[in-house]
């Protein structure tokens, strides 16, 4: 194709303006082939597999605060109903905003390229390309699993915590409700309590 274009220019009266030395034609052809191969194997998009998009318009901190406040109010309501506990206040420490796992599509491409040089020697090159994209349903990422934040510790301040029996009941109830070990729960008496 290139030779036809050069030949046509010579015939139309443009001698030597675009003429290329026959030795340089080989180099030009090799360069064009290399550029073509680079375009074919260049990755189109790169995504990080461990970066899930944010769900909705809420900031992650607001979601953690909502979960935390909901748990605190539920615990205070339940624990204050324990006989002898009196007025109860709860404080929680959470580890993070939770974990969301999204479905992903993995595409693996394998190409075998065979090249033969002018001496007749064959050279085979294999290329592997793996692409990972988030799977989507109706334009939204497909959520597989969502875990609430891990609870690091709970502090309970209660009127009746001076009584060791009530303090133990508050500890056991909290550990059971939150499915955490009892050593993560601390019960303290309220100043001026019973």
C-alpha atoms as a PDB file:
ATOM      1  CA  UNK A   1       0.000   0.000   0.000  1.00  0.00           C
ATOM      2  CA  UNK A   2       2.813   2.377   0.887  1.00  0.00           C
ATOM      3  CA  UNK A   3       4.695   1.475  -2.275  1.00  0.00           C
ATOM      4  CA  UNK A   4       1.574   2.175  -4.378  1.00  0.00           C
ATOM      5  CA  UNK A   5       1.222   5.602  -2.810  1.00  0.00           C
ATOM      6  CA  UNK A   6       4.885   6.405  -3.510  1.00  0.00           C
ATOM      7  CA  UNK A   7       4.619   5.081  -7.079  1.00  0.00           C
ATOM      8  CA  UNK A   8       1.458   7.160  -7.687  1.00  0.00           C
ATOM      9  CA  UNK A   9       3.200  10.321  -6.438  1.00  0.00           C
ATOM     10  CA  UNK A  10       6.103   9.707  -8.829  1.00  0.00           C
ATOM     11  CA  UNK A  11       3.729   9.199 -11.752  1.00  0.00           C
ATOM     12  CA  UNK A  12       1.806  12.392 -10.947  1.00  0.00           C
ATOM     13  CA  UNK A  13       4.921  14.471 -11.246  1.00  0.00           C
ATOM     14  CA  UNK A  14       6.243  14.535  -7.723  1.00  0.00           C
ATOM     15  CA  UNK A  15       9.584  12.863  -8.320  1.00  0.00           C
ATOM     16  CA  UNK A  16      11.839  12.255  -5.352  1.00  0.00           C
ATOM     17  CA  UNK A  17       9.747  14.421  -3.032  1.00  0.00           C
ATOM     18  CA  UNK A  18       8.446  11.399  -1.148  1.00  0.00           C
ATOM     19  CA  UNK A  19      10.756   8.747  -2.420  1.00  0.00           C
ATOM     20  CA  UNK A  20      12.252   6.456   0.186  1.00  0.00           C
ATOM     21  CA  UNK A  21      15.451   4.515  -0.067  1.00  0.00           C
ATOM     22  CA  UNK A  22      14.642   0.764  -0.478  1.00  0.00           C
ATOM     23  CA  UNK A  23      16.710  -0.076   2.643  1.00  0.00           C
ATOM     24  CA  UNK A  24      14.782   2.495   4.670  1.00  0.00           C
ATOM     25  CA  UNK A  25      11.473   1.006   3.462  1.00  0.00           C
ATOM     26  CA  UNK A  26      12.201  -2.133   5.446  1.00  0.00           C
ATOM     27  CA  UNK A  27      12.870  -0.138   8.616  1.00  0.00           C
ATOM     28  CA  UNK A  28       9.728   1.941   8.096  1.00  0.00           C
ATOM     29  CA  UNK A  29       7.659  -1.210   7.637  1.00  0.00           C
ATOM     30  CA  UNK A  30       9.124  -2.770  10.806  1.00  0.00           C
ATOM     31  CA  UNK A  31       8.385   0.412  12.777  1.00  0.00           C
ATOM     32  CA  UNK A  32       4.792   0.504  11.522  1.00  0.00           C
ATOM     33  CA  UNK A  33       4.274  -3.149  12.449  1.00  0.00           C
ATOM     34  CA  UNK A  34       5.694  -2.539  15.941  1.00  0.00           C
ATOM     35  CA  UNK A  35       3.392   0.433  16.467  1.00  0.00           C
ATOM     36  CA  UNK A  36       0.438  -1.677  15.321  1.00  0.00           C
ATOM     37  CA  UNK A  37       1.328  -4.456  17.759  1.00  0.00           C
ATOM     38  CA  UNK A  38       1.705  -1.968  20.612  1.00  0.00           C
ATOM     39  CA  UNK A  39      -1.757  -0.596  19.885  1.00  0.00           C
ATOM     40  CA  UNK A  40      -3.203  -4.132  19.975  1.00  0.00           C
ATOM     41  CA  UNK A  41      -1.619  -5.173  23.265  1.00  0.00           C
ATOM     42  CA  UNK A  42      -1.832  -1.855  25.141  1.00  0.00           C
ATOM     43  CA  UNK A  43      -4.296  -2.216  28.066  1.00  0.00           C
ATOM     44  CA  UNK A  44      -7.483  -0.268  27.458  1.00  0.00           C
ATOM     45  CA  UNK A  45      -8.398   0.355  31.079  1.00  0.00           C
ATOM     46  CA  UNK A  46      -6.856  -0.429  34.405  1.00  0.00           C
ATOM     47  CA  UNK A  47      -9.027  -0.882  37.478  1.00  0.00           C
ATOM     48  CA  UNK A  48      -7.957  -1.662  40.995  1.00  0.00           C
ATOM     49  CA  UNK A  49      -9.759  -4.780  42.162  1.00  0.00           C
ATOM     50  CA  UNK A  50      -9.885  -3.837  45.868  1.00  0.00           C
ATOM     51  CA  UNK A  51     -11.483  -0.424  45.343  1.00  0.00           C
ATOM     52  CA  UNK A  52     -15.259  -0.667  45.675  1.00  0.00           C
ATOM     53  CA  UNK A  53     -17.368   2.359  44.782  1.00  0.00           C
ATOM     54  CA  UNK A  54     -19.227   4.212  47.489  1.00  0.00           C
ATOM     55  CA  UNK A  55     -22.863   3.219  47.754  1.00  0.00           C
ATOM     56  CA  UNK A  56     -25.366   6.073  47.672  1.00  0.00           C
ATOM     57  CA  UNK A  57     -24.659   9.704  48.414  1.00  0.00           C
ATOM     58  CA  UNK A  58     -23.769   9.275  52.094  1.00  0.00           C
ATOM     59  CA  UNK A  59     -20.212   9.654  53.295  1.00  0.00           C
ATOM     60  CA  UNK A  60     -18.769   6.539  54.977  1.00  0.00           C
ATOM     61  CA  UNK A  61     -18.396   8.338  58.333  1.00  0.00           C
ATOM     62  CA  UNK A  62     -22.127   9.148  58.396  1.00  0.00           C
ATOM     63  CA  UNK A  63     -22.966   5.479  57.862  1.00  0.00           C
ATOM     64  CA  UNK A  64     -20.682   4.416  60.735  1.00  0.00           C
ATOM     65  CA  UNK A  65     -22.239   7.040  62.991  1.00  0.00           C
ATOM     66  CA  UNK A  66     -25.741   5.827  62.075  1.00  0.00           C
ATOM     67  CA  UNK A  67     -24.835   2.198  62.852  1.00  0.00           C
ATOM     68  CA  UNK A  68     -23.137   3.224  66.076  1.00  0.00           C
ATOM     69  CA  UNK A  69     -26.052   5.414  67.254  1.00  0.00           C
ATOM     70  CA  UNK A  70     -28.563   2.689  66.420  1.00  0.00           C
ATOM     71  CA  UNK A  71     -26.620   0.100  68.418  1.00  0.00           C
ATOM     72  CA  UNK A  72     -26.143   2.479  71.369  1.00  0.00           C
ATOM     73  CA  UNK A  73     -29.856   3.322  71.612  1.00  0.00           C
ATOM     74  CA  UNK A  74     -30.887  -0.336  71.294  1.00  0.00           C
ATOM     75  CA  UNK A  75     -28.409  -1.425  73.986  1.00  0.00           C
ATOM     76  CA  UNK A  76     -29.386   1.373  76.365  1.00  0.00           C
ATOM     77  CA  UNK A  77     -33.065   0.458  75.972  1.00  0.00           C
ATOM     78  CA  UNK A  78     -32.531  -3.256  76.584  1.00  0.00           C
ATOM     79  CA  UNK A  79     -29.939  -2.985  79.375  1.00  0.00           C
ATOM     80  CA  UNK A  80     -31.978  -0.439  81.337  1.00  0.00           C
ATOM     81  CA  UNK A  81     -34.754  -3.078  81.604  1.00  0.00           C
ATOM     82  CA  UNK A  82     -32.496  -5.426  83.606  1.00  0.00           C
ATOM     83  CA  UNK A  83     -33.708  -5.538  87.206  1.00  0.00           C
ATOM     84  CA  UNK A  84     -31.583  -3.232  89.345  1.00  0.00           C
ATOM     85  CA  UNK A  85     -29.607  -1.679  86.435  1.00  0.00           C
ATOM     86  CA  UNK A  86     -31.347   1.692  86.642  1.00  0.00           C
ATOM     87  CA  UNK A  87     -30.378   4.399  84.170  1.00  0.00           C
ATOM     88  CA  UNK A  88     -27.856   3.054  81.586  1.00  0.00           C
ATOM     89  CA  UNK A  89     -25.534   4.844  79.155  1.00  0.00           C
ATOM     90  CA  UNK A  90     -23.510   2.980  76.508  1.00  0.00           C
ATOM     91  CA  UNK A  91     -20.450   3.976  74.479  1.00  0.00           C
ATOM     92  CA  UNK A  92     -19.135   1.863  71.569  1.00  0.00           C
ATOM     93  CA  UNK A  93     -15.810   1.821  69.771  1.00  0.00           C
ATOM     94  CA  UNK A  94     -15.935   0.485  66.203  1.00  0.00           C
ATOM     95  CA  UNK A  95     -12.975  -0.630  64.107  1.00  0.00           C
ATOM     96  CA  UNK A  96     -13.992   0.669  60.701  1.00  0.00           C
ATOM     97  CA  UNK A  97     -16.922   1.396  58.451  1.00  0.00           C
ATOM     98  CA  UNK A  98     -17.474  -2.287  57.697  1.00  0.00           C
ATOM     99  CA  UNK A  99     -16.639  -4.419  54.685  1.00  0.00           C
ATOM    100  CA  UNK A 100     -18.423  -4.618  51.355  1.00  0.00           C
ATOM    101  CA  UNK A 101     -17.604  -7.299  48.805  1.00  0.00           C
ATOM    102  CA  UNK A 102     -18.549  -6.723  45.178  1.00  0.00           C
ATOM    103  CA  UNK A 103     -18.825  -9.234  42.346  1.00  0.00           C
ATOM    104  CA  UNK A 104     -16.252  -8.897  39.609  1.00  0.00           C
ATOM    105  CA  UNK A 105     -15.751 -10.192  36.107  1.00  0.00           C
ATOM    106  CA  UNK A 106     -12.323 -11.551  35.276  1.00  0.00           C
ATOM    107  CA  UNK A 107     -11.248 -11.819  31.666  1.00  0.00           C
ATOM    108  CA  UNK A 108      -8.101 -13.649  30.729  1.00  0.00           C
ATOM    109  CA  UNK A 109      -6.659 -13.301  27.269  1.00  0.00           C
ATOM    110  CA  UNK A 110      -3.878 -15.447  25.919  1.00  0.00           C
ATOM    111  CA  UNK A 111      -2.147 -14.725  22.635  1.00  0.00           C
ATOM    112  CA  UNK A 112       0.458 -16.840  20.898  1.00  0.00           C
ATOM    113  CA  UNK A 113       2.455 -14.928  18.294  1.00  0.00           C
ATOM    114  CA  UNK A 114       4.566 -16.837  15.810  1.00  0.00           C
ATOM    115  CA  UNK A 115       7.259 -14.997  13.931  1.00  0.00           C
ATOM    116  CA  UNK A 116       9.529 -16.308  11.196  1.00  0.00           C
ATOM    117  CA  UNK A 117      12.725 -14.472  10.395  1.00  0.00           C
ATOM    118  CA  UNK A 118      14.381 -14.341   6.966  1.00  0.00           C
ATOM    119  CA  UNK A 119      16.529 -17.412   7.853  1.00  0.00           C
ATOM    120  CA  UNK A 120      13.423 -19.541   8.382  1.00  0.00           C
ATOM    121  CA  UNK A 121      13.725 -19.718  12.185  1.00  0.00           C
ATOM    122  CA  UNK A 122      10.373 -19.674  13.988  1.00  0.00           C
ATOM    123  CA  UNK A 123       9.935 -17.817  17.237  1.00  0.00           C
ATOM    124  CA  UNK A 124       6.784 -18.158  19.362  1.00  0.00           C
ATOM    125  CA  UNK A 125       5.846 -15.586  21.992  1.00  0.00           C
ATOM    126  CA  UNK A 126       2.971 -15.979  24.462  1.00  0.00           C
ATOM    127  CA  UNK A 127       1.221 -13.023  26.074  1.00  0.00           C
ATOM    128  CA  UNK A 128      -1.225 -13.213  28.981  1.00  0.00           C
ATOM    129  CA  UNK A 129      -3.494 -10.343  29.904  1.00  0.00           C
ATOM    130  CA  UNK A 130      -5.914 -10.414  32.845  1.00  0.00           C
ATOM    131  CA  UNK A 131      -8.577  -7.742  33.262  1.00  0.00           C
ATOM    132  CA  UNK A 132     -10.833  -7.412  36.289  1.00  0.00           C
ATOM    133  CA  UNK A 133     -13.989  -5.277  36.195  1.00  0.00           C
ATOM    134  CA  UNK A 134     -16.761  -4.817  38.727  1.00  0.00           C
ATOM    135  CA  UNK A 135     -19.918  -6.700  37.794  1.00  0.00           C
ATOM    136  CA  UNK A 136     -22.927  -4.399  37.499  1.00  0.00           C
ATOM    137  CA  UNK A 137     -26.668  -4.856  37.542  1.00  0.00           C
ATOM    138  CA  UNK A 138     -28.813  -1.977  36.261  1.00  0.00           C
ATOM    139  CA  UNK A 139     -25.752   0.266  36.250  1.00  0.00           C
ATOM    140  CA  UNK A 140     -24.943  -0.340  39.933  1.00  0.00           C
ATOM    141  CA  UNK A 141     -22.141  -2.572  41.261  1.00  0.00           C
ATOM    142  CA  UNK A 142     -23.363  -6.010  42.321  1.00  0.00           C
ATOM    143  CA  UNK A 143     -22.960  -6.314  46.098  1.00  0.00           C
ATOM    144  CA  UNK A 144     -22.228  -9.877  47.271  1.00  0.00           C
ATOM    145  CA  UNK A 145     -21.707  -9.378  50.989  1.00  0.00           C
ATOM    146  CA  UNK A 146     -21.841  -6.538  53.505  1.00  0.00           C
ATOM    147  CA  UNK A 147     -20.450  -6.851  57.022  1.00  0.00           C
ATOM    148  CA  UNK A 148     -21.065  -4.391  59.812  1.00  0.00           C
ATOM    149  CA  UNK A 149     -18.086  -2.797  61.548  1.00  0.00           C
ATOM    150  CA  UNK A 150     -16.248  -4.851  64.146  1.00  0.00           C
ATOM    151  CA  UNK A 151     -16.863  -3.779  67.731  1.00  0.00           C
ATOM    152  CA  UNK A 152     -13.599  -3.147  69.571  1.00  0.00           C
ATOM    153  CA  UNK A 153     -15.040  -2.287  72.964  1.00  0.00           C
ATOM    154  CA  UNK A 154     -18.128  -1.289  74.957  1.00  0.00           C
ATOM    155  CA  UNK A 155     -18.328   0.931  78.020  1.00  0.00           C
ATOM    156  CA  UNK A 156     -21.499   0.788  80.101  1.00  0.00           C
ATOM    157  CA  UNK A 157     -22.250   3.265  82.870  1.00  0.00           C
ATOM    158  CA  UNK A 158     -25.209   2.170  85.014  1.00  0.00           C
ATOM    159  CA  UNK A 159     -26.808   3.254  88.288  1.00  0.00           C
ATOM    160  CA  UNK A 160     -26.842  -0.311  89.651  1.00  0.00           C
ATOM    161  CA  UNK A 161     -23.298  -1.289  88.588  1.00  0.00           C
ATOM    162  CA  UNK A 162     -22.083  -1.054  92.233  1.00  0.00           C
ATOM    163  CA  UNK A 163     -23.694  -4.467  92.722  1.00  0.00           C
ATOM    164  CA  UNK A 164     -21.299  -7.056  91.199  1.00  0.00           C
ATOM    165  CA  UNK A 165     -24.217  -9.356  90.283  1.00  0.00           C
ATOM    166  CA  UNK A 166     -25.875  -6.620  88.193  1.00  0.00           C
ATOM    167  CA  UNK A 167     -22.533  -5.612  86.646  1.00  0.00           C
ATOM    168  CA  UNK A 168     -21.988  -9.247  85.604  1.00  0.00           C
ATOM    169  CA  UNK A 169     -25.509  -9.446  84.159  1.00  0.00           C
ATOM    170  CA  UNK A 170     -24.910  -6.243  82.136  1.00  0.00           C
ATOM    171  CA  UNK A 171     -21.582  -7.632  80.860  1.00  0.00           C
ATOM    172  CA  UNK A 172     -23.052 -10.988  79.845  1.00  0.00           C
ATOM    173  CA  UNK A 173     -26.113  -9.423  78.211  1.00  0.00           C
ATOM    174  CA  UNK A 174     -23.974  -7.017  76.180  1.00  0.00           C
ATOM    175  CA  UNK A 175     -21.522  -9.726  75.122  1.00  0.00           C
ATOM    176  CA  UNK A 176     -24.430 -11.928  74.011  1.00  0.00           C
ATOM    177  CA  UNK A 177     -26.311  -9.185  72.145  1.00  0.00           C
ATOM    178  CA  UNK A 178     -23.242  -7.978  70.236  1.00  0.00           C
ATOM    179  CA  UNK A 179     -21.656 -11.433  69.845  1.00  0.00           C
ATOM    180  CA  UNK A 180     -18.355 -10.281  71.339  1.00  0.00           C
ATOM    181  CA  UNK A 181     -16.209 -11.677  74.145  1.00  0.00           C
ATOM    182  CA  UNK A 182     -16.892 -10.447  77.673  1.00  0.00           C
ATOM    183  CA  UNK A 183     -13.417  -8.947  78.068  1.00  0.00           C
ATOM    184  CA  UNK A 184     -14.396  -6.266  75.516  1.00  0.00           C
ATOM    185  CA  UNK A 185     -17.179  -5.035  77.828  1.00  0.00           C
ATOM    186  CA  UNK A 186     -16.517  -2.762  80.814  1.00  0.00           C
ATOM    187  CA  UNK A 187     -19.275  -1.892  83.280  1.00  0.00           C
ATOM    188  CA  UNK A 188     -18.813   1.096  85.589  1.00  0.00           C
ATOM    189  CA  UNK A 189     -21.076   2.523  88.310  1.00  0.00           C
ATOM    190  CA  UNK A 190     -22.605   5.954  87.756  1.00  0.00           C
ATOM    191  CA  UNK A 191     -21.337   8.705  90.004  1.00  0.00           C
ATOM    192  CA  UNK A 192     -23.924   9.147  92.753  1.00  0.00           C
ATOM    193  CA  UNK A 193     -25.696   5.888  91.787  1.00  0.00           C
ATOM    194  CA  UNK A 194     -27.115   3.265  94.208  1.00  0.00           C
END
